[in-house]
């Protein structure tokens, strides 16, 4: 690792927003830890970045598993020695079903990945960032516009993203004394497999179905790069990015 390079972790780096952000960080001079459940997808991200040797580290990680998260952070400390940025991105949508039909197992899976996973990674990041020299770092949570304007049939996803906003605020507050900044990006309709999974005519709040615009993932990556570029005495607490014509304002 170059002494001047910063170190970032991106969870869910094997696809979608995580892959795009990880590649953008690598291209911006970061050393990046690619974390996710599927090695083949993480390897594809690494190849797509065409990065310099030694600037990327692939670690198979299940963010819902405390042991797996601890192992990943131990690898980060062993290889790079510090951590400057954590992008808590890993997440799943869950079953697209009415609240009363959602299974307990599905609810648990979404909570464990979207909320508990972010907490576990944040906890380990705190331990590293408060002790390293120079002290501190930045944590960015991937929220969602669904946290305050939910889609129909998405109770587990909405609840976890709403809770993530609380975690962002608590992290921001408790991180002050350690020079740890925490912000959140709320994304609407980025062109990912998750959004494609809603179909070409997703259900609207009034029960009808209609197409919705999407936006290029590169816009999200550029926003993350901006948030990460700020000095630790300055923070983007919350930012929302979405297609201009997405039917969000007035939803419901």
Foldseek 3Di string as FASTA:
>chain_A
DDPPAAEEEQEPCLFDLNLLLQLLNQVVRHQYEYEEQDPVSSVVSVVVSVHDPLSYHYQYAQLLDLVRLVVSLVVCCVRPNAHAEYELEWAAQFDQAAPVPHDPVRLVVRCSGLAVSLVSNLVSNQVRQLPDVVHEHEYEYEAALCCPQNFGSRVSNNVSSVVVLVVQVVSCVVCPVGLYHYAYEHEDAAPTVRNCVCPQFHAFPVGGTHGFDHDYSNVVSVVVVVQRPDHSVDGHHYDYDTPPGGPRVVGD
